């Protein structure tokens, strides 16, 4: 019985942590470019929940980019070889989903 209570409490903590993480990600998706606000908002609504941990981490690193760099990667404009070589397969998966959003 005591293990069951502990398991329920741990499950509740995981749900709270995931909820806080999602809210933090949503906040980080608020950008200065309207186009990014729209694409990132649709991405969160449609695809974010299906990402695995590595893809979520890749998305988080993409959010560290400036608005113009991030928009360039999503739109395919102004992608330098340096930027392209810094992307890993998880970044590519996330960018593909962002482009579809």
Protein backbone atom coordinates (compact mmCIF):
# COMPACT_ATOMS: atom_id res chain seq x y z
CA UNK A 1 0.00 0.00 0.00
CA UNK A 2 2.78 2.39 0.89
CA UNK A 3 4.51 1.71 -2.47
CA UNK A 4 1.26 2.49 -4.30
CA UNK A 5 1.01 5.88 -2.58
CA UNK A 6 4.66 6.61 -3.37
CA UNK A 7 4.13 5.61 -7.02
CA UNK A 8 1.08 7.90 -7.29
CA UNK A 9 3.04 10.79 -5.77
CA UNK A 10 5.96 10.21 -8.15
CA UNK A 11 3.59 10.10 -11.13
CA UNK A 12 2.03 13.38 -10.00
CA UNK A 13 5.49 14.96 -9.74
CA UNK A 14 6.33 13.86 -13.28
CA UNK A 15 3.09 15.40 -14.58
CA UNK A 16 3.84 18.67 -12.76
CA UNK A 17 7.41 18.73 -14.10
CA UNK A 18 6.20 18.07 -17.66
CA UNK A 19 3.55 20.76 -17.33
CA UNK A 20 6.13 23.29 -16.09
CA UNK A 21 8.51 22.30 -18.89
CA UNK A 22 5.79 22.77 -21.52
CA UNK A 23 4.89 26.17 -20.12
CA UNK A 24 8.57 27.19 -20.20
CA UNK A 25 8.85 26.04 -23.82
CA UNK A 26 5.67 27.92 -24.76
CA UNK A 27 7.09 31.06 -23.16
CA UNK A 28 10.35 30.66 -25.08
CA UNK A 29 8.34 30.36 -28.31
CA UNK A 30 7.11 33.93 -27.92
CA UNK A 31 9.29 35.77 -30.39
CA UNK A 32 9.67 39.17 -31.99
CA UNK A 33 8.75 37.94 -35.47
CA UNK A 34 5.07 37.30 -36.06
CA UNK A 35 5.93 34.51 -38.50
CA UNK A 36 7.88 32.70 -35.79
CA UNK A 37 5.10 33.16 -33.24
CA UNK A 38 2.65 31.53 -35.65
CA UNK A 39 4.89 28.65 -36.73
CA UNK A 40 6.17 27.88 -33.24
CA UNK A 41 2.66 28.03 -31.75
CA UNK A 42 1.34 25.61 -34.37
CA UNK A 43 4.34 23.35 -33.85
CA UNK A 44 3.73 23.19 -30.09
CA UNK A 45 0.04 22.43 -30.63
CA UNK A 46 0.55 19.80 -33.33
CA UNK A 47 3.91 18.11 -32.79
CA UNK A 48 5.67 18.87 -29.51
CA UNK A 49 3.98 16.14 -27.44
CA UNK A 50 5.17 13.46 -29.89
CA UNK A 51 8.85 14.43 -29.68
CA UNK A 52 11.21 12.17 -27.80
CA UNK A 53 13.60 13.60 -25.20
CA UNK A 54 16.46 14.08 -27.70
CA UNK A 55 14.18 15.90 -30.14
CA UNK A 56 12.81 18.11 -27.34
CA UNK A 57 16.40 18.96 -26.39
CA UNK A 58 17.16 19.78 -30.03
CA UNK A 59 14.10 22.04 -30.19
CA UNK A 60 15.27 23.74 -27.00
CA UNK A 61 18.67 24.48 -28.58
CA UNK A 62 16.97 25.86 -31.69
CA UNK A 63 15.07 28.27 -29.44
CA UNK A 64 18.46 29.61 -28.29
CA UNK A 65 19.01 31.03 -31.78
CA UNK A 66 18.18 34.60 -32.69
CA UNK A 67 14.86 35.19 -34.43
CA UNK A 68 16.51 35.79 -37.80
CA UNK A 69 18.73 32.69 -37.56
CA UNK A 70 15.82 30.49 -36.46
CA UNK A 71 13.53 31.85 -39.17
CA UNK A 72 16.31 31.31 -41.72
CA UNK A 73 16.57 27.63 -40.76
CA UNK A 74 12.80 27.13 -40.87
CA UNK A 75 12.24 29.02 -44.11
CA UNK A 76 15.39 27.75 -45.81
CA UNK A 77 16.69 31.28 -46.33
CA UNK A 78 20.24 32.32 -45.47
CA UNK A 79 21.47 28.90 -44.35
CA UNK A 80 25.24 28.97 -44.28
CA UNK A 81 27.39 25.85 -44.42
CA UNK A 82 28.48 26.61 -40.86
CA UNK A 83 24.87 26.62 -39.61
CA UNK A 84 23.96 23.53 -41.61
CA UNK A 85 26.97 21.56 -40.34
CA UNK A 86 26.01 22.34 -36.73
CA UNK A 87 22.67 20.52 -37.11
CA UNK A 88 22.27 16.94 -35.92
CA UNK A 89 19.58 14.44 -37.00
CA UNK A 90 17.29 15.53 -34.15
CA UNK A 91 17.53 19.16 -35.31
CA UNK A 92 16.69 18.06 -38.86
CA UNK A 93 13.63 16.12 -37.64
CA UNK A 94 12.40 19.08 -35.61
CA UNK A 95 13.02 21.51 -38.50
CA UNK A 96 11.07 19.25 -40.85
CA UNK A 97 8.10 19.35 -38.46
CA UNK A 98 8.47 23.12 -38.03
CA UNK A 99 8.37 23.58 -41.80
CA UNK A 100 5.18 21.52 -41.94
CA UNK A 101 3.47 23.50 -39.18
